Amino acid sequence: MKNLYRLTAAVFLILLNAAFLFAAETAGQVEFNIRFYDRRVYYVQSDPIFVQIIITNNSPYTYRFKLADERAFSLDFDIRTMTNRTLPQADSLIRKRTLNQQIFFREVAIESGESFSFVEDLRDYVTFSQPGSFRVRARVYPELIRASASMDTNYLSLSLRPELIQGPDGIPIEMDVATGAVLVPQRLAPDEVVAYMLTARQESQWERFFLYLDPEAMLSRDALQKRRYMAENEEGRRRMVMEYRQSLQNSTIDGDIAVIPTTYEILRTVYNNEEGNVTVLEKFRTRDYTELRQYVYYLEKRENYWFIVNYTMQPMGTEANE
C-alpha cells in the first residue's frame, strides 16, 4: 500500500512539474489568440459563429502540441454575459466528452516565427438562448483536455441580436443594431441615400446598408438571374432575394458594391421626379497605395422614397499613401 501511495505521489509531482515547465517555456513566447473568422451580424439561433484560433511561436525553438481530430478535446470556450454568468455547454459537446472513446490526435510542430490556426463554431461549445452582449475567451489544451496544462487566449466581444422579425411579404424587417428600433426608409434625396448606404457599409451595418438597396432590381441586372426570378413563384422569389442578400454579405456576388471604402466624395447628383443617378469617387486604402474608383449609382423613386437599383464602377488609378 505504501508503494502505491509513493507511486501516486510521484505521478502527481511529475504532472505538476510538467505543467510548471510548460508555463515557463511558453510564457511570453508562444501566443494563443482568437478572432472572428468572418465577422458579421449574429443572431441568437441562426448562422454559425466562426472563431479562428491562432497559435504563434515567438520562441527560438520548435513548439509542439497535440491537436485532437475532434477539436473539443483540445479546446474549450469560456463565454460569459456582462454580469459574469457563464453560458451552459452545448448538449452535443457534453455527449462528446462523456462518451467512452479513444481520442485520436496528431502532433503539430510550429517552427520559430510561424503560426498555426484552425476555425471552430462557438455553437458547438455553448448554448445561446437569448440576445445580449458576451465576452468570449478560448482555453487551449496542448496536451489534450484531460491534461491539466492549458493556455488562455485574449477576449472577444460578441453581440447577439434577436431573431429577425418576418414582415408581411416574408422578408425580414430590418432592425437598427444600436437602438433596436425598426428601420424604416426616410424621405432622403438621392445623394443622401447613397451617403447613407456607403456610411453603413463603412460601419459594417448591413441592416442599414440594405435599407435603400432594392435587391429585386439588383438581381435583375443579370439577364439569367432575371429570367430565373421571373419564372419563380412568390415563395421562390423571396428565397432568391434572401440568397442574394446573404451572397452580398459573404462577398460572393457584386463585390464592387460590397467592398468597404476608406473615404468617399459625392461628385455629382442628377435626378427628376422618377429617377436619378449619383456619381461618387471612392477611395480604398491598401498597405502600399490607395485605389481610386468612380461609382455611378442609379436610383428610382417609389412612393416618395428613393432606392438604389443599379450601379457601375470605373477604376480611376491609384495614388500614393500620405
Protein backbone atom coordinates (compact mmCIF):
# COMPACT_ATOMS: atom_id res chain seq x y z
CA MET A 1 0.00 0.00 0.00
CA LYS A 2 2.87 2.36 0.83
CA ASN A 3 4.40 1.70 -2.56
CA LEU A 4 1.10 2.60 -4.20
CA TYR A 5 0.98 5.90 -2.31
CA ARG A 6 4.58 6.65 -3.30
CA LEU A 7 3.82 5.86 -6.95
CA THR A 8 0.71 8.07 -6.90
CA ALA A 9 2.64 10.92 -5.31
CA ALA A 10 5.44 10.56 -7.87
CA VAL A 11 2.99 10.67 -10.78
CA PHE A 12 1.33 13.75 -9.29
CA LEU A 13 4.67 15.53 -8.92
CA ILE A 14 5.66 14.66 -12.48
CA LEU A 15 2.41 16.10 -13.83
CA LEU A 16 2.75 19.19 -11.66
CA ASN A 17 6.33 19.76 -12.79
CA ALA A 18 5.28 19.28 -16.42
CA ALA A 19 2.63 21.94 -16.01
CA PHE A 20 5.09 24.40 -14.48
CA LEU A 21 7.70 23.60 -17.14
CA PHE A 22 5.13 24.13 -19.90
CA ALA A 23 4.14 27.50 -18.47
CA ALA A 24 7.76 28.55 -18.10
CA GLU A 25 8.62 27.56 -21.65
CA THR A 26 5.64 29.27 -23.28
CA ALA A 27 5.20 32.40 -21.17
CA GLY A 28 5.62 35.39 -23.47
CA GLN A 29 6.93 33.24 -26.32
CA VAL A 30 4.02 31.21 -27.66
CA GLU A 31 0.88 33.28 -28.17
CA PHE A 32 -2.67 31.92 -28.22
CA ASN A 33 -5.15 34.34 -29.80
CA ILE A 34 -8.66 34.26 -31.21
CA ARG A 35 -10.58 36.44 -33.63
CA PHE A 36 -13.85 36.26 -35.55
CA TYR A 37 -13.25 34.42 -38.81
CA ASP A 38 -15.95 36.22 -40.80
CA ARG A 39 -17.37 38.88 -38.53
CA ARG A 40 -20.96 39.78 -39.33
CA VAL A 41 -24.26 40.48 -37.60
CA TYR A 42 -25.01 37.44 -35.43
CA TYR A 43 -28.46 36.29 -34.36
CA VAL A 44 -29.45 34.14 -31.39
CA GLN A 45 -30.32 30.90 -33.17
CA SER A 46 -29.25 31.06 -36.78
CA ASP A 47 -25.89 31.22 -38.56
CA PRO A 48 -22.66 29.70 -37.20
CA ILE A 49 -20.32 31.94 -35.21
CA PHE A 50 -16.90 31.02 -36.54
CA VAL A 51 -13.85 31.88 -34.43
CA GLN A 52 -10.27 31.44 -35.63
CA ILE A 53 -7.75 30.14 -33.10
CA ILE A 54 -4.21 31.29 -33.87
CA ILE A 55 -1.09 29.87 -32.22
CA THR A 56 2.09 31.85 -32.89
CA ASN A 57 5.56 30.65 -31.94
CA ASN A 58 7.78 33.60 -30.99
CA SER A 59 10.36 31.40 -29.28
CA PRO A 60 13.66 30.40 -30.91
CA TYR A 61 12.66 26.73 -30.71
CA THR A 62 10.14 24.47 -32.42
CA TYR A 63 6.89 24.36 -30.46
CA ARG A 64 4.96 21.07 -30.47
CA PHE A 65 1.47 20.30 -29.24
CA LYS A 66 -1.25 17.71 -29.67
CA LEU A 67 -4.32 18.59 -31.74
CA ALA A 68 -7.27 16.21 -31.43
CA ASP A 69 -9.19 15.24 -34.56
CA GLU A 70 -12.28 16.12 -32.53
CA ARG A 71 -11.31 19.68 -31.56
CA ALA A 72 -13.48 19.56 -28.44
CA PHE A 73 -10.67 17.59 -26.77
CA SER A 74 -8.07 20.28 -27.50
CA LEU A 75 -10.14 23.38 -26.94
CA ASP A 76 -12.79 24.92 -24.75
CA PHE A 77 -14.61 28.27 -24.71
CA ASP A 78 -15.46 30.38 -21.71
CA ILE A 79 -18.36 32.63 -22.71
CA ARG A 80 -19.92 34.94 -20.14
CA THR A 81 -22.61 37.58 -20.01
CA MET A 82 -21.85 41.14 -18.91
CA THR A 83 -22.99 40.07 -15.42
CA ASN A 84 -20.31 37.34 -15.43
CA ARG A 85 -22.77 34.47 -15.85
CA THR A 86 -21.26 31.51 -17.71
CA LEU A 87 -23.27 30.16 -20.63
CA PRO A 88 -24.16 26.44 -20.47
CA GLN A 89 -22.29 23.92 -22.60
CA ALA A 90 -23.95 22.66 -25.77
CA ASP A 91 -25.65 19.28 -25.44
CA SER A 92 -23.58 17.90 -28.33
CA LEU A 93 -20.37 18.89 -26.52
CA ILE A 94 -21.45 17.16 -23.30
CA ARG A 95 -22.23 13.98 -25.23
CA LYS A 96 -18.84 14.01 -26.94
CA ARG A 97 -16.89 14.43 -23.73
CA THR A 98 -18.83 11.93 -21.66
CA LEU A 99 -18.71 9.16 -24.25
CA ASN A 100 -16.15 6.46 -23.50
CA GLN A 101 -13.97 6.63 -26.60
CA GLN A 102 -10.43 6.72 -27.86
CA ILE A 103 -9.14 10.22 -28.67
CA PHE A 104 -7.28 10.47 -31.95
CA PHE A 105 -4.84 13.31 -32.40
CA ARG A 106 -1.83 14.47 -34.36
CA GLU A 107 1.25 16.30 -33.19
CA VAL A 108 1.63 19.75 -34.70
CA ALA A 109 5.06 21.39 -34.90
CA ILE A 110 5.27 25.16 -35.28
CA GLU A 111 8.68 26.46 -36.24
CA SER A 112 10.11 29.64 -34.77
CA GLY A 113 8.37 32.71 -36.18
CA GLU A 114 5.48 30.72 -37.70
CA SER A 115 1.79 30.42 -36.85
CA PHE A 116 -0.84 27.71 -36.99
CA SER A 117 -4.60 28.28 -36.99
CA PHE A 118 -7.92 26.50 -37.21
CA VAL A 119 -11.57 27.55 -37.10
CA GLU A 120 -14.34 26.47 -34.74
CA ASP A 121 -18.04 27.28 -34.39
CA LEU A 122 -18.98 28.67 -30.96
CA ARG A 123 -22.36 26.99 -31.24
CA ASP A 124 -20.62 23.61 -30.99
CA TYR A 125 -19.46 24.56 -27.49
CA VAL A 126 -22.14 26.66 -25.80
CA THR A 127 -25.90 27.18 -25.98
CA PHE A 128 -27.13 30.67 -26.83
CA SER A 129 -30.72 31.19 -25.69
CA GLN A 130 -31.14 34.95 -25.64
CA PRO A 131 -29.73 38.09 -27.27
CA GLY A 132 -27.20 40.27 -25.50
CA SER A 133 -23.50 41.07 -25.18
CA PHE A 134 -20.95 38.44 -24.22
CA ARG A 135 -17.22 38.05 -23.56
CA VAL A 136 -15.57 35.15 -25.33
CA ARG A 137 -12.29 33.52 -24.38
CA ALA A 138 -10.78 30.25 -25.56
CA ARG A 139 -8.73 27.83 -23.49
CA VAL A 140 -6.27 25.68 -25.44
CA TYR A 141 -5.02 22.34 -24.07
CA PRO A 142 -1.71 21.48 -25.80
CA GLU A 143 -1.69 18.01 -24.18
CA LEU A 144 -5.45 17.44 -24.74
CA ILE A 145 -8.24 18.44 -22.40
CA ARG A 146 -7.68 15.61 -19.94
CA ALA A 147 -4.30 17.06 -19.00
CA SER A 148 -4.04 19.91 -16.51
CA ALA A 149 -1.91 22.37 -18.51
CA SER A 150 -3.82 24.95 -20.56
CA MET A 151 -3.34 28.37 -22.12
CA ASP A 152 -5.94 31.15 -22.23
CA THR A 153 -6.43 33.46 -25.19
CA ASN A 154 -7.49 37.07 -25.49
CA TYR A 155 -11.11 38.14 -25.08
CA LEU A 156 -13.58 38.90 -27.87
CA SER A 157 -16.77 40.92 -27.55
CA LEU A 158 -19.78 39.16 -29.05
CA SER A 159 -23.15 40.78 -29.63
CA LEU A 160 -26.17 38.62 -30.45
CA ARG A 161 -29.28 40.19 -31.93
CA PRO A 162 -32.82 38.87 -31.61
CA GLU A 163 -34.07 36.69 -34.44
CA LEU A 164 -35.26 38.59 -37.48
CA ILE A 165 -38.90 39.59 -37.50
CA GLN A 166 -40.65 38.44 -40.65
CA GLY A 167 -42.56 41.12 -42.49
CA PRO A 168 -45.89 40.51 -44.26
CA ASP A 169 -44.08 39.73 -47.51
CA GLY A 170 -41.85 37.14 -45.85
CA ILE A 171 -38.76 39.36 -45.97
CA PRO A 172 -37.27 40.08 -42.53
CA ILE A 173 -37.84 43.55 -41.08
CA GLU A 174 -34.53 45.30 -40.53
CA MET A 175 -33.62 46.40 -37.00
CA ASP A 176 -31.10 49.06 -36.00
CA VAL A 177 -28.22 47.43 -34.10
CA ALA A 178 -27.55 50.49 -31.96
CA THR A 179 -31.12 51.29 -30.91
CA GLY A 180 -33.06 48.07 -31.52
CA ALA A 181 -35.70 50.10 -33.37
CA VAL A 182 -37.28 49.01 -36.63
CA LEU A 183 -35.54 50.65 -39.57
CA VAL A 184 -37.86 52.43 -41.98
CA PRO A 185 -36.89 54.48 -45.05
CA GLN A 186 -36.85 58.26 -44.74
CA ARG A 187 -37.59 60.79 -47.46
CA LEU A 188 -33.96 61.46 -48.32
CA ALA A 189 -32.58 63.00 -51.51
CA PRO A 190 -30.71 60.64 -53.87
CA ASP A 191 -27.25 61.81 -52.75
CA GLU A 192 -28.29 61.39 -49.10
CA VAL A 193 -29.48 57.85 -49.82
CA VAL A 194 -26.12 56.95 -51.36
CA ALA A 195 -24.23 58.57 -48.49
CA TYR A 196 -26.38 56.63 -46.01
CA MET A 197 -25.61 53.35 -47.77
CA LEU A 198 -21.86 54.00 -48.01
CA THR A 199 -21.58 55.08 -44.38
CA ALA A 200 -23.48 51.97 -43.31
CA ARG A 201 -21.00 49.83 -45.25
CA GLN A 202 -18.05 51.62 -43.63
CA GLU A 203 -19.53 50.79 -40.24
CA SER A 204 -20.35 47.18 -41.27
CA GLN A 205 -24.04 47.73 -40.51
CA TRP A 206 -25.67 45.50 -43.06
CA GLU A 207 -29.22 46.24 -41.91
CA ARG A 208 -28.72 49.94 -42.78
CA PHE A 209 -26.82 49.08 -45.95
CA PHE A 210 -29.83 47.18 -47.33
CA LEU A 211 -32.41 49.78 -46.30
CA TYR A 212 -32.26 51.74 -49.58
CA LEU A 213 -31.00 48.93 -51.80
CA ASP A 214 -33.58 47.22 -54.00
CA PRO A 215 -32.49 43.55 -54.10
CA GLU A 216 -35.07 42.58 -56.74
CA ALA A 217 -33.74 45.23 -59.10
CA MET A 218 -30.15 44.28 -58.33
CA LEU A 219 -30.96 40.64 -59.13
CA SER A 220 -32.44 41.72 -62.46
CA ARG A 221 -29.13 43.29 -63.54
CA ASP A 222 -28.08 39.83 -64.73
CA ALA A 223 -30.23 38.50 -67.60
CA LEU A 224 -30.04 34.87 -66.47
CA GLN A 225 -30.89 35.77 -62.88
CA LYS A 226 -33.76 37.94 -64.09
CA ARG A 227 -35.26 35.06 -66.11
CA ARG A 228 -34.95 32.76 -63.10
CA TYR A 229 -36.54 35.35 -60.84
CA MET A 230 -39.46 35.94 -63.19
CA ALA A 231 -40.06 32.18 -63.54
CA GLU A 232 -40.28 31.63 -59.76
CA ASN A 233 -43.44 31.75 -57.70
CA GLU A 234 -43.76 34.19 -54.80
CA GLU A 235 -42.01 31.92 -52.32
CA GLY A 236 -39.18 31.22 -54.76
CA ARG A 237 -38.65 34.94 -55.36
CA ARG A 238 -38.40 35.60 -51.63
CA ARG A 239 -35.84 32.81 -51.38
CA MET A 240 -33.77 34.31 -54.23
CA VAL A 241 -33.82 37.73 -52.55
CA MET A 242 -32.62 36.25 -49.27
CA GLU A 243 -29.89 34.29 -51.06
CA TYR A 244 -28.78 37.45 -52.86
CA ARG A 245 -28.53 39.38 -49.61
CA GLN A 246 -26.52 36.58 -47.99
CA SER A 247 -24.21 36.28 -51.01
CA LEU A 248 -23.62 40.03 -50.92
CA GLN A 249 -22.67 39.85 -47.25
CA ASN A 250 -20.31 36.96 -48.00
CA SER A 251 -18.76 38.93 -50.90
CA THR A 252 -19.53 36.13 -53.35
CA ILE A 253 -21.60 38.40 -55.61
CA ASP A 254 -21.47 42.10 -56.59
CA GLY A 255 -18.18 42.53 -54.75
CA ASP A 256 -17.71 46.05 -56.14
CA ILE A 257 -20.64 47.40 -54.16
CA ALA A 258 -19.95 45.35 -51.02
CA VAL A 259 -16.31 46.41 -50.58
CA ILE A 260 -15.71 48.94 -47.79
CA PRO A 261 -14.46 52.37 -48.93
CA THR A 262 -11.93 54.19 -46.77
CA THR A 263 -13.37 57.54 -47.85
CA TYR A 264 -15.85 58.75 -50.44
CA GLU A 265 -16.81 62.03 -52.11
CA ILE A 266 -20.07 62.68 -53.94
CA LEU A 267 -19.14 64.42 -57.19
CA ARG A 268 -22.47 64.90 -58.95
CA THR A 269 -26.19 64.28 -58.47
CA VAL A 270 -28.74 64.35 -61.28
CA TYR A 271 -32.42 63.44 -60.86
CA ASN A 272 -36.00 64.22 -61.84
CA ASN A 273 -39.30 63.15 -60.30
CA GLU A 274 -38.82 59.44 -61.10
CA GLU A 275 -35.15 58.55 -61.45
CA GLY A 276 -31.69 59.81 -60.82
CA ASN A 277 -28.00 58.97 -60.57
CA VAL A 278 -25.25 59.88 -58.15
CA THR A 279 -21.55 59.88 -59.09
CA VAL A 280 -19.16 59.10 -56.26
CA LEU A 281 -15.36 58.95 -56.02
CA GLU A 282 -14.48 56.21 -53.56
CA LYS A 283 -11.01 55.51 -52.18
CA PHE A 284 -9.75 52.18 -50.89
CA ARG A 285 -6.55 52.34 -48.91
CA THR A 286 -4.20 49.36 -49.03
CA ARG A 287 -0.86 48.87 -47.36
CA ASP A 288 1.17 50.33 -50.24
CA TYR A 289 -1.21 52.66 -52.07
CA THR A 290 -4.78 53.96 -52.31
CA GLU A 291 -7.04 52.71 -55.09
CA LEU A 292 -9.48 55.16 -56.68
CA ARG A 293 -12.80 54.09 -58.19
CA GLN A 294 -15.66 56.10 -59.64
CA TYR A 295 -19.13 54.71 -59.00
CA VAL A 296 -22.39 55.78 -60.55
CA TYR A 297 -25.42 54.70 -58.52
CA TYR A 298 -28.78 54.63 -60.29
CA LEU A 299 -31.92 55.28 -58.25
CA GLU A 300 -35.66 55.10 -58.74
CA LYS A 301 -38.34 56.90 -56.76
CA ARG A 302 -41.16 54.77 -55.35
CA GLU A 303 -43.90 56.24 -53.19
CA ASN A 304 -41.73 59.27 -52.39
CA TYR A 305 -38.70 57.16 -51.38
CA TRP A 306 -35.51 56.74 -53.40
CA PHE A 307 -33.97 53.29 -53.83
CA ILE A 308 -30.69 52.17 -55.44
CA VAL A 309 -31.47 49.82 -58.34
CA ASN A 310 -28.18 49.59 -60.22
CA TYR A 311 -24.59 50.80 -60.29
CA THR A 312 -21.48 50.93 -62.46
CA MET A 313 -17.85 51.11 -61.45
CA GLN A 314 -14.83 52.51 -63.30
CA PRO A 315 -11.24 52.24 -61.98
CA MET A 316 -9.53 55.63 -61.69
CA GLY A 317 -5.97 54.56 -60.93
CA THR A 318 -4.08 54.85 -57.68
CA GLU A 319 -2.42 57.45 -55.52
CA ALA A 320 0.40 57.29 -53.02
CA ASN A 321 -0.50 56.97 -49.35
CA GLU A 322 0.24 60.03 -47.26
